[in-house]
N, C-alpha and C. Protein backbone atom coordinates (compact mmCIF):
# COMPACT_ATOMS: atom_id res chain seq x y z
N UNK A 1 11.90 -19.33 -2.15
CA UNK A 1 11.42 -17.97 -2.30
C UNK A 1 10.45 -17.94 -3.46
N UNK A 2 9.60 -16.96 -3.42
CA UNK A 2 8.63 -16.83 -4.49
C UNK A 2 9.27 -16.27 -5.76
N UNK A 3 8.66 -16.58 -6.88
CA UNK A 3 9.14 -16.12 -8.18
C UNK A 3 9.23 -14.62 -8.28
N UNK A 4 8.40 -13.92 -7.53
CA UNK A 4 8.44 -12.46 -7.52
C UNK A 4 9.84 -11.96 -7.19
N UNK A 5 10.53 -12.63 -6.28
CA UNK A 5 11.89 -12.25 -5.90
C UNK A 5 12.83 -12.41 -7.09
N UNK A 6 12.79 -13.57 -7.74
CA UNK A 6 13.68 -13.82 -8.87
C UNK A 6 13.34 -12.93 -10.07
N UNK A 7 12.07 -12.63 -10.25
CA UNK A 7 11.68 -11.70 -11.32
C UNK A 7 12.26 -10.31 -11.07
N UNK A 8 12.30 -9.91 -9.80
CA UNK A 8 12.86 -8.61 -9.47
C UNK A 8 14.36 -8.58 -9.73
N UNK A 9 15.05 -9.68 -9.42
CA UNK A 9 16.48 -9.75 -9.73
C UNK A 9 16.68 -9.64 -11.25
N UNK A 10 15.85 -10.37 -11.99
CA UNK A 10 15.93 -10.32 -13.45
C UNK A 10 15.73 -8.89 -13.95
N UNK A 11 14.73 -8.22 -13.44
CA UNK A 11 14.45 -6.85 -13.89
C UNK A 11 15.63 -5.93 -13.60
N UNK A 12 16.19 -6.05 -12.40
CA UNK A 12 17.33 -5.20 -12.03
C UNK A 12 18.51 -5.43 -12.96
N UNK A 13 18.84 -6.69 -13.22
CA UNK A 13 19.97 -7.01 -14.10
C UNK A 13 19.68 -6.55 -15.52
N UNK A 14 18.51 -6.87 -16.05
CA UNK A 14 18.19 -6.49 -17.44
C UNK A 14 18.18 -4.98 -17.62
N UNK A 15 17.62 -4.28 -16.64
CA UNK A 15 17.55 -2.82 -16.74
C UNK A 15 18.94 -2.19 -16.76
N UNK A 16 19.86 -2.73 -15.94
CA UNK A 16 21.18 -2.12 -15.81
C UNK A 16 22.24 -2.71 -16.73
N UNK A 17 22.04 -3.97 -17.19
CA UNK A 17 23.11 -4.64 -17.92
C UNK A 17 22.65 -5.36 -19.19
N UNK A 18 21.36 -5.49 -19.39
CA UNK A 18 20.85 -6.11 -20.60
C UNK A 18 20.47 -7.57 -20.42
N UNK A 19 19.65 -8.04 -21.34
CA UNK A 19 19.12 -9.39 -21.27
C UNK A 19 20.19 -10.46 -21.49
N UNK A 20 21.18 -10.17 -22.31
CA UNK A 20 22.25 -11.15 -22.56
C UNK A 20 23.01 -11.45 -21.27
N UNK A 21 23.24 -10.44 -20.47
CA UNK A 21 23.94 -10.64 -19.19
C UNK A 21 23.07 -11.48 -18.26
N UNK A 22 21.75 -11.22 -18.25
CA UNK A 22 20.84 -12.02 -17.43
C UNK A 22 20.89 -13.49 -17.84
N UNK A 23 20.89 -13.75 -19.12
CA UNK A 23 20.95 -15.13 -19.61
C UNK A 23 22.27 -15.79 -19.18
N UNK A 24 23.36 -15.03 -19.22
CA UNK A 24 24.65 -15.56 -18.77
C UNK A 24 24.61 -15.87 -17.27
N UNK A 25 23.99 -15.00 -16.49
CA UNK A 25 23.85 -15.23 -15.04
C UNK A 25 23.05 -16.50 -14.79
N UNK A 26 21.92 -16.65 -15.48
CA UNK A 26 21.12 -17.87 -15.30
C UNK A 26 21.91 -19.12 -15.68
N UNK A 27 22.67 -19.03 -16.78
CA UNK A 27 23.47 -20.17 -17.22
C UNK A 27 24.50 -20.54 -16.15
N UNK A 28 25.23 -19.54 -15.64
CA UNK A 28 26.25 -19.81 -14.62
C UNK A 28 25.64 -20.31 -13.32
N UNK A 29 24.43 -19.86 -13.03
CA UNK A 29 23.75 -20.28 -11.80
C UNK A 29 23.10 -21.65 -11.96
N UNK A 30 23.09 -22.16 -13.19
CA UNK A 30 22.44 -23.43 -13.50
C UNK A 30 20.95 -23.38 -13.11
N UNK A 31 20.33 -22.27 -13.48
CA UNK A 31 18.89 -22.08 -13.26
C UNK A 31 18.25 -22.01 -14.65
N UNK A 32 17.53 -23.06 -15.02
CA UNK A 32 16.99 -23.14 -16.37
C UNK A 32 15.50 -22.80 -16.44
N UNK A 33 15.04 -21.95 -15.56
CA UNK A 33 13.65 -21.49 -15.58
C UNK A 33 13.54 -20.40 -16.63
N UNK A 34 12.64 -20.60 -17.59
CA UNK A 34 12.49 -19.60 -18.66
C UNK A 34 11.81 -18.34 -18.13
N UNK A 35 10.71 -18.52 -17.40
CA UNK A 35 9.95 -17.38 -16.85
C UNK A 35 9.58 -17.71 -15.41
N UNK A 36 9.98 -16.85 -14.49
CA UNK A 36 9.59 -17.02 -13.08
C UNK A 36 8.16 -16.52 -12.90
N UNK A 37 7.32 -17.33 -12.28
CA UNK A 37 5.95 -16.95 -11.99
C UNK A 37 5.91 -16.34 -10.60
N UNK A 38 5.34 -15.15 -10.49
CA UNK A 38 5.37 -14.37 -9.25
C UNK A 38 4.88 -15.15 -8.05
N UNK A 39 3.75 -15.84 -8.18
CA UNK A 39 3.12 -16.51 -7.04
C UNK A 39 3.55 -17.97 -6.88
N UNK A 40 4.55 -18.39 -7.64
CA UNK A 40 5.06 -19.76 -7.55
C UNK A 40 6.27 -19.79 -6.61
N UNK A 41 6.34 -20.81 -5.79
CA UNK A 41 7.46 -20.96 -4.87
C UNK A 41 8.60 -21.72 -5.57
N UNK A 42 9.82 -21.21 -5.42
CA UNK A 42 11.02 -21.82 -5.99
C UNK A 42 12.01 -22.09 -4.86
N UNK A 43 12.91 -23.04 -5.05
CA UNK A 43 13.91 -23.30 -4.00
C UNK A 43 14.74 -22.05 -3.70
N UNK A 44 15.00 -21.79 -2.43
CA UNK A 44 15.85 -20.66 -2.04
C UNK A 44 17.19 -20.71 -2.76
N UNK A 45 17.67 -21.93 -2.99
CA UNK A 45 18.97 -22.12 -3.62
C UNK A 45 19.03 -21.44 -4.99
N UNK A 46 17.92 -21.38 -5.72
CA UNK A 46 17.90 -20.69 -7.01
C UNK A 46 18.31 -19.23 -6.82
N UNK A 47 17.72 -18.58 -5.85
CA UNK A 47 17.99 -17.16 -5.62
C UNK A 47 19.44 -16.96 -5.19
N UNK A 48 19.91 -17.80 -4.27
CA UNK A 48 21.31 -17.68 -3.84
C UNK A 48 22.27 -17.88 -5.02
N UNK A 49 21.98 -18.86 -5.87
CA UNK A 49 22.84 -19.12 -7.02
C UNK A 49 22.80 -17.96 -8.02
N UNK A 50 21.61 -17.37 -8.22
CA UNK A 50 21.50 -16.22 -9.13
C UNK A 50 22.32 -15.04 -8.61
N UNK A 51 22.24 -14.78 -7.32
CA UNK A 51 23.01 -13.67 -6.74
C UNK A 51 24.51 -13.95 -6.85
N UNK A 52 24.92 -15.19 -6.56
CA UNK A 52 26.33 -15.55 -6.68
C UNK A 52 26.84 -15.42 -8.11
N UNK A 53 26.03 -15.88 -9.06
CA UNK A 53 26.43 -15.77 -10.47
C UNK A 53 26.46 -14.31 -10.91
N UNK A 54 25.53 -13.50 -10.43
CA UNK A 54 25.54 -12.07 -10.76
C UNK A 54 26.82 -11.43 -10.25
N UNK A 55 27.25 -11.81 -9.06
CA UNK A 55 28.49 -11.29 -8.50
C UNK A 55 29.68 -11.64 -9.41
N UNK A 56 29.72 -12.88 -9.88
CA UNK A 56 30.80 -13.32 -10.77
C UNK A 56 30.76 -12.59 -12.11
N UNK A 57 29.61 -12.62 -12.75
CA UNK A 57 29.48 -12.05 -14.09
C UNK A 57 29.71 -10.54 -14.08
N UNK A 58 29.16 -9.86 -13.07
CA UNK A 58 29.27 -8.40 -13.01
C UNK A 58 30.54 -7.93 -12.30
N UNK A 59 31.31 -8.91 -11.77
CA UNK A 59 32.54 -8.58 -11.05
C UNK A 59 32.28 -7.55 -9.96
N UNK A 60 31.24 -7.87 -9.16
CA UNK A 60 30.78 -7.00 -8.09
C UNK A 60 30.61 -7.84 -6.84
N UNK A 61 31.07 -7.34 -5.68
CA UNK A 61 30.90 -8.13 -4.45
C UNK A 61 29.43 -8.48 -4.19
N UNK A 62 29.22 -9.67 -3.66
CA UNK A 62 27.87 -10.16 -3.38
C UNK A 62 27.08 -9.18 -2.52
N UNK A 63 27.72 -8.62 -1.49
CA UNK A 63 27.01 -7.67 -0.63
C UNK A 63 26.53 -6.45 -1.41
N UNK A 64 27.31 -5.99 -2.38
CA UNK A 64 26.88 -4.84 -3.20
C UNK A 64 25.68 -5.22 -4.06
N UNK A 65 25.70 -6.45 -4.60
CA UNK A 65 24.56 -6.94 -5.38
C UNK A 65 23.32 -6.97 -4.50
N UNK A 66 23.46 -7.53 -3.30
CA UNK A 66 22.32 -7.65 -2.38
C UNK A 66 21.78 -6.29 -1.94
N UNK A 67 22.66 -5.33 -1.67
CA UNK A 67 22.20 -3.98 -1.28
C UNK A 67 21.43 -3.34 -2.43
N UNK A 68 21.98 -3.41 -3.63
CA UNK A 68 21.29 -2.84 -4.79
C UNK A 68 19.94 -3.52 -5.00
N UNK A 69 19.92 -4.82 -4.81
CA UNK A 69 18.67 -5.55 -4.97
C UNK A 69 17.66 -5.14 -3.90
N UNK A 70 18.12 -4.96 -2.67
CA UNK A 70 17.22 -4.52 -1.59
C UNK A 70 16.57 -3.19 -1.91
N UNK A 71 17.36 -2.24 -2.39
CA UNK A 71 16.81 -0.94 -2.75
C UNK A 71 15.84 -1.08 -3.92
N UNK A 72 16.22 -1.87 -4.90
CA UNK A 72 15.36 -2.09 -6.07
C UNK A 72 14.06 -2.78 -5.68
N UNK A 73 14.10 -3.68 -4.73
CA UNK A 73 12.94 -4.47 -4.32
C UNK A 73 11.75 -3.57 -3.94
N UNK A 74 12.03 -2.49 -3.24
CA UNK A 74 10.97 -1.58 -2.79
C UNK A 74 10.25 -0.98 -3.99
N UNK A 75 10.98 -0.43 -4.94
CA UNK A 75 10.33 0.19 -6.10
C UNK A 75 9.68 -0.87 -6.99
N UNK A 76 10.33 -2.03 -7.11
CA UNK A 76 9.78 -3.10 -7.94
C UNK A 76 8.44 -3.58 -7.41
N UNK A 77 8.38 -3.88 -6.11
CA UNK A 77 7.13 -4.41 -5.55
C UNK A 77 6.04 -3.35 -5.59
N UNK A 78 6.41 -2.09 -5.42
CA UNK A 78 5.40 -1.02 -5.51
C UNK A 78 4.80 -0.97 -6.92
N UNK A 79 5.66 -1.12 -7.93
CA UNK A 79 5.18 -1.08 -9.31
C UNK A 79 4.42 -2.34 -9.71
N UNK A 80 4.72 -3.47 -9.07
CA UNK A 80 4.08 -4.73 -9.41
C UNK A 80 2.73 -4.90 -8.74
N UNK A 81 2.22 -3.86 -8.13
CA UNK A 81 0.88 -3.94 -7.56
C UNK A 81 0.82 -4.15 -6.07
N UNK A 82 1.97 -4.13 -5.40
CA UNK A 82 1.98 -4.33 -3.96
C UNK A 82 2.24 -3.03 -3.21
N UNK A 83 2.25 -1.92 -3.94
CA UNK A 83 2.50 -0.62 -3.34
C UNK A 83 1.47 -0.25 -2.29
N UNK A 84 0.22 -0.69 -2.50
CA UNK A 84 -0.82 -0.41 -1.52
C UNK A 84 -0.51 -1.01 -0.16
N UNK A 85 0.06 -2.21 -0.18
CA UNK A 85 0.44 -2.85 1.08
C UNK A 85 1.57 -2.08 1.75
N UNK A 86 2.52 -1.59 0.96
CA UNK A 86 3.61 -0.81 1.52
C UNK A 86 3.06 0.48 2.15
N UNK A 87 2.16 1.13 1.43
CA UNK A 87 1.58 2.38 1.94
C UNK A 87 0.71 2.15 3.16
N UNK A 88 0.02 1.01 3.21
CA UNK A 88 -0.84 0.71 4.35
C UNK A 88 -0.03 0.45 5.61
N UNK A 89 1.25 0.14 5.46
CA UNK A 89 2.09 -0.15 6.62
C UNK A 89 2.49 1.11 7.36
N UNK A 90 2.29 2.27 6.74
CA UNK A 90 2.63 3.51 7.43
C UNK A 90 2.58 4.70 6.51
N UNK A 91 2.30 5.85 7.11
CA UNK A 91 2.23 7.10 6.33
C UNK A 91 3.57 7.80 6.26
N UNK A 92 4.52 7.37 7.09
CA UNK A 92 5.85 7.96 7.09
C UNK A 92 6.85 6.89 7.52
N UNK A 93 8.11 7.25 7.46
CA UNK A 93 9.17 6.27 7.74
C UNK A 93 9.08 5.69 9.16
N UNK A 94 8.99 6.50 10.21
CA UNK A 94 8.92 5.90 11.54
C UNK A 94 7.70 4.99 11.73
N UNK A 95 6.57 5.40 11.17
CA UNK A 95 5.35 4.59 11.29
C UNK A 95 5.52 3.26 10.55
N UNK A 96 6.11 3.31 9.37
CA UNK A 96 6.35 2.09 8.61
C UNK A 96 7.23 1.12 9.40
N UNK A 97 8.35 1.64 9.93
CA UNK A 97 9.25 0.78 10.69
C UNK A 97 8.56 0.22 11.93
N UNK A 98 7.74 1.04 12.59
CA UNK A 98 7.02 0.56 13.78
C UNK A 98 6.05 -0.57 13.42
N UNK A 99 5.49 -0.53 12.22
CA UNK A 99 4.53 -1.55 11.78
C UNK A 99 5.19 -2.74 11.09
N UNK A 100 6.49 -2.66 10.85
CA UNK A 100 7.19 -3.72 10.13
C UNK A 100 7.03 -5.10 10.76
N UNK A 101 7.03 -5.21 12.11
CA UNK A 101 6.86 -6.56 12.68
C UNK A 101 5.57 -7.26 12.23
N UNK A 102 4.54 -6.51 11.88
CA UNK A 102 3.27 -7.11 11.45
C UNK A 102 3.10 -7.16 9.93
N UNK A 103 4.02 -6.55 9.20
CA UNK A 103 3.87 -6.42 7.75
C UNK A 103 3.76 -7.76 7.04
N UNK A 104 4.62 -8.71 7.39
CA UNK A 104 4.61 -9.99 6.69
C UNK A 104 3.38 -10.83 7.00
N UNK A 105 2.69 -10.52 8.06
CA UNK A 105 1.43 -11.21 8.35
C UNK A 105 0.44 -10.94 7.22
N UNK A 106 0.40 -9.70 6.75
CA UNK A 106 -0.48 -9.34 5.63
C UNK A 106 0.02 -9.94 4.32
N UNK A 107 1.34 -9.94 4.14
CA UNK A 107 1.92 -10.49 2.92
C UNK A 107 1.62 -11.99 2.82
N UNK A 108 1.62 -12.68 3.95
CA UNK A 108 1.37 -14.13 3.96
C UNK A 108 -0.03 -14.49 3.47
N UNK A 109 -0.95 -13.55 3.50
CA UNK A 109 -2.29 -13.80 2.96
C UNK A 109 -2.24 -13.98 1.44
N UNK A 110 -1.29 -13.32 0.80
CA UNK A 110 -1.14 -13.42 -0.66
C UNK A 110 -0.23 -14.60 -1.03
N UNK A 111 0.80 -14.82 -0.19
CA UNK A 111 1.79 -15.85 -0.46
C UNK A 111 1.76 -16.87 0.68
N UNK A 112 0.88 -17.85 0.60
CA UNK A 112 0.68 -18.77 1.73
C UNK A 112 1.89 -19.65 2.08
N UNK A 113 2.81 -19.86 1.16
CA UNK A 113 3.99 -20.68 1.45
C UNK A 113 5.17 -19.85 1.94
N UNK A 114 4.91 -18.59 2.20
CA UNK A 114 5.95 -17.66 2.64
C UNK A 114 6.52 -18.07 4.00
N UNK A 115 7.82 -18.01 4.11
CA UNK A 115 8.52 -18.22 5.38
C UNK A 115 9.24 -16.91 5.70
N UNK A 116 8.49 -15.92 6.21
CA UNK A 116 9.05 -14.58 6.35
C UNK A 116 9.97 -14.44 7.55
N UNK A 117 10.79 -13.41 7.51
CA UNK A 117 11.59 -13.09 8.69
C UNK A 117 10.69 -12.49 9.76
N UNK A 118 11.24 -12.37 10.94
CA UNK A 118 10.55 -11.71 12.04
C UNK A 118 11.35 -10.46 12.40
N UNK A 119 10.63 -9.43 12.83
CA UNK A 119 11.26 -8.17 13.19
C UNK A 119 10.79 -7.75 14.58
N UNK A 120 11.67 -7.06 15.28
CA UNK A 120 11.30 -6.45 16.55
C UNK A 120 12.00 -5.10 16.62
N UNK A 121 11.27 -4.08 17.03
CA UNK A 121 11.82 -2.74 17.15
C UNK A 121 12.07 -2.42 18.62
N UNK A 122 13.25 -1.86 18.91
CA UNK A 122 13.57 -1.45 20.28
C UNK A 122 14.24 -0.07 20.23
N UNK A 123 14.36 0.54 21.39
CA UNK A 123 15.05 1.83 21.52
C UNK A 123 14.53 2.86 20.53
N UNK A 124 13.22 2.95 20.41
CA UNK A 124 12.57 3.80 19.41
C UNK A 124 12.53 5.25 19.89
N UNK A 125 13.01 6.16 19.04
CA UNK A 125 12.88 7.60 19.28
C UNK A 125 12.27 8.21 18.03
N UNK A 126 12.14 9.53 17.99
CA UNK A 126 11.61 10.18 16.79
C UNK A 126 12.65 10.27 15.67
N UNK A 127 13.90 9.87 15.97
CA UNK A 127 14.98 9.95 14.99
C UNK A 127 15.71 8.63 14.74
N UNK A 128 15.38 7.61 15.53
CA UNK A 128 16.13 6.36 15.38
C UNK A 128 15.40 5.19 16.03
N UNK A 129 15.90 4.02 15.75
CA UNK A 129 15.42 2.79 16.40
C UNK A 129 16.41 1.68 16.11
N UNK A 130 16.34 0.64 16.90
CA UNK A 130 17.07 -0.58 16.59
C UNK A 130 16.06 -1.57 16.02
N UNK A 131 16.42 -2.17 14.90
CA UNK A 131 15.58 -3.15 14.26
C UNK A 131 16.26 -4.51 14.39
N UNK A 132 15.58 -5.44 15.03
CA UNK A 132 16.08 -6.80 15.21
C UNK A 132 15.49 -7.64 14.08
N UNK A 133 16.35 -8.31 13.34
CA UNK A 133 15.97 -9.07 12.15
C UNK A 133 16.31 -10.54 12.39
N UNK A 134 15.27 -11.38 12.39
CA UNK A 134 15.44 -12.80 12.64
C UNK A 134 14.92 -13.59 11.45
N UNK A 135 15.79 -14.40 10.86
CA UNK A 135 15.41 -15.18 9.69
C UNK A 135 16.14 -16.52 9.70
N UNK A 136 15.53 -17.49 9.05
CA UNK A 136 16.20 -18.79 8.90
C UNK A 136 17.13 -18.78 7.69
N UNK A 137 17.05 -17.75 6.86
CA UNK A 137 17.88 -17.68 5.65
C UNK A 137 19.19 -16.95 5.97
N UNK A 138 20.32 -17.58 5.72
CA UNK A 138 21.61 -16.93 5.99
C UNK A 138 22.01 -15.97 4.89
N UNK A 139 22.87 -15.02 5.24
CA UNK A 139 23.54 -14.20 4.24
C UNK A 139 22.74 -13.08 3.63
N UNK A 140 21.66 -12.64 4.26
CA UNK A 140 20.82 -11.61 3.64
C UNK A 140 20.89 -10.26 4.35
N UNK A 141 21.85 -10.06 5.21
CA UNK A 141 21.92 -8.79 5.93
C UNK A 141 22.17 -7.61 4.98
N UNK A 142 22.99 -7.79 3.96
CA UNK A 142 23.22 -6.71 2.99
C UNK A 142 21.94 -6.38 2.24
N UNK A 143 21.15 -7.40 1.92
CA UNK A 143 19.84 -7.17 1.29
C UNK A 143 18.97 -6.31 2.21
N UNK A 144 18.97 -6.63 3.52
CA UNK A 144 18.19 -5.86 4.48
C UNK A 144 18.63 -4.40 4.51
N UNK A 145 19.93 -4.16 4.47
CA UNK A 145 20.43 -2.79 4.48
C UNK A 145 19.88 -2.03 3.27
N UNK A 146 19.97 -2.65 2.09
CA UNK A 146 19.44 -2.02 0.88
C UNK A 146 17.94 -1.80 0.96
N UNK A 147 17.24 -2.80 1.50
CA UNK A 147 15.79 -2.70 1.65
C UNK A 147 15.42 -1.53 2.56
N UNK A 148 16.10 -1.41 3.69
CA UNK A 148 15.81 -0.34 4.64
C UNK A 148 16.11 1.02 4.04
N UNK A 149 17.19 1.12 3.27
CA UNK A 149 17.50 2.37 2.59
C UNK A 149 16.45 2.67 1.51
N UNK A 150 15.97 1.61 0.85
CA UNK A 150 14.91 1.79 -0.15
C UNK A 150 13.62 2.29 0.46
N UNK A 151 13.30 1.82 1.66
CA UNK A 151 12.11 2.32 2.36
C UNK A 151 12.27 3.81 2.65
N UNK A 152 13.48 4.21 3.04
CA UNK A 152 13.75 5.63 3.24
C UNK A 152 13.49 6.43 1.98
N UNK A 153 13.94 5.91 0.84
CA UNK A 153 13.69 6.57 -0.44
C UNK A 153 12.20 6.64 -0.73
N UNK A 154 11.48 5.56 -0.47
CA UNK A 154 10.03 5.52 -0.69
C UNK A 154 9.32 6.64 0.07
N UNK A 155 9.77 6.88 1.30
CA UNK A 155 9.15 7.90 2.14
C UNK A 155 9.87 9.25 2.08
N UNK A 156 10.78 9.38 1.12
CA UNK A 156 11.53 10.62 0.92
C UNK A 156 12.18 11.08 2.23
N UNK A 157 12.69 10.11 2.99
CA UNK A 157 13.37 10.35 4.25
C UNK A 157 14.61 9.45 4.28
N UNK A 158 15.74 9.97 3.84
CA UNK A 158 16.94 9.12 3.82
C UNK A 158 17.21 8.53 5.21
N UNK A 159 17.58 7.26 5.20
CA UNK A 159 17.87 6.56 6.45
C UNK A 159 19.30 6.04 6.41
N UNK A 160 19.99 6.21 7.52
CA UNK A 160 21.33 5.66 7.68
C UNK A 160 21.18 4.34 8.43
N UNK A 161 21.79 3.30 7.91
CA UNK A 161 21.68 1.97 8.50
C UNK A 161 23.07 1.54 8.97
N UNK A 162 23.16 1.20 10.26
CA UNK A 162 24.40 0.68 10.83
C UNK A 162 24.12 -0.73 11.32
N UNK A 163 24.94 -1.67 10.88
CA UNK A 163 24.78 -3.07 11.26
C UNK A 163 25.50 -3.28 12.59
N UNK A 164 24.73 -3.36 13.67
CA UNK A 164 25.31 -3.44 15.02
C UNK A 164 25.72 -4.86 15.42
N UNK A 165 24.84 -5.83 15.14
CA UNK A 165 25.11 -7.22 15.51
C UNK A 165 24.78 -8.09 14.30
N UNK A 166 25.61 -9.11 14.08
CA UNK A 166 25.48 -9.92 12.88
C UNK A 166 25.50 -11.41 13.19
N UNK A 167 24.60 -12.14 12.57
CA UNK A 167 24.62 -13.61 12.69
C UNK A 167 25.92 -14.17 12.15
N UNK A 168 26.42 -13.57 11.09
CA UNK A 168 27.66 -14.08 10.49
C UNK A 168 28.86 -13.92 11.42
N UNK A 169 28.70 -13.10 12.47
CA UNK A 169 29.78 -12.91 13.44
C UNK A 169 29.41 -13.48 14.81
N UNK A 170 28.41 -14.40 14.83
CA UNK A 170 28.10 -15.13 16.04
C UNK A 170 26.86 -14.69 16.82
N UNK A 171 26.24 -13.59 16.45
CA UNK A 171 25.02 -13.17 17.14
C UNK A 171 23.88 -14.11 16.76
N UNK A 172 22.86 -14.21 17.61
CA UNK A 172 21.74 -15.11 17.27
C UNK A 172 20.79 -14.49 16.26
N UNK A 173 20.88 -13.17 16.04
CA UNK A 173 20.13 -12.50 14.98
C UNK A 173 20.84 -11.18 14.65
N UNK A 174 20.43 -10.55 13.55
CA UNK A 174 21.02 -9.28 13.14
C UNK A 174 20.29 -8.14 13.82
N UNK A 175 21.05 -7.09 14.16
CA UNK A 175 20.47 -5.88 14.73
C UNK A 175 21.01 -4.69 13.94
N UNK A 176 20.10 -3.84 13.48
CA UNK A 176 20.45 -2.66 12.71
C UNK A 176 20.03 -1.42 13.47
N UNK A 177 20.87 -0.41 13.47
CA UNK A 177 20.50 0.90 13.98
C UNK A 177 20.04 1.72 12.79
N UNK A 178 18.80 2.20 12.84
CA UNK A 178 18.25 3.04 11.78
C UNK A 178 18.17 4.47 12.30
N UNK A 179 18.71 5.40 11.53
CA UNK A 179 18.68 6.81 11.93
C UNK A 179 18.20 7.65 10.76
N UNK A 180 17.37 8.66 11.06
CA UNK A 180 16.82 9.53 10.03
C UNK A 180 16.56 10.90 10.65
N UNK A 181 16.36 11.89 9.78
CA UNK A 181 15.96 13.21 10.22
C UNK A 181 14.47 13.36 9.98
N UNK A 182 13.70 13.63 11.04
CA UNK A 182 12.25 13.75 10.86
C UNK A 182 11.90 14.86 9.87
N UNK A 183 10.87 14.61 9.08
CA UNK A 183 10.38 15.61 8.14
C UNK A 183 9.67 16.72 8.90
N UNK A 184 9.79 17.92 8.38
CA UNK A 184 9.08 19.05 8.97
C UNK A 184 7.58 18.91 8.69
N UNK A 185 6.73 19.32 9.65
CA UNK A 185 5.28 19.18 9.42
C UNK A 185 4.75 20.09 8.35
């Protein structure tokens, strides 16, 4: 994963728990990188170890850490200069979700070593859709839930996310039901 991901984890931990806790998490994760560079690629294992260590140090379930990180990721990337890409993906929540399958194509122009997930939208209505999430990285469904809720916050349209099918329970990919109340014109 790119350093931008690990920098966002660092920011979330430091903002909520302080720099000393972040240093303890890095120590427990056996990640001795002093400063993560946003556009540098790091082993996925670093990120998994940081999340696992955060769960231990903060005495918080891993899924809760991943959900919080997913929500934080949206605001973090918007502040780090990628907000224009988020806004270009749609003017509202349904439009953003409809464009999500193509979103990482644009992101890959900035991050050429990116191995992004794939998305497919089905059963689309003005109030809901099913989002199919396909990735080679295991264990990130809770992150996706937080991310999808964060997108709802970004568009000031709260979204309810229900995890319908899970790779961890034998499905070939994850499927989420996204539901929202359309904004009045």
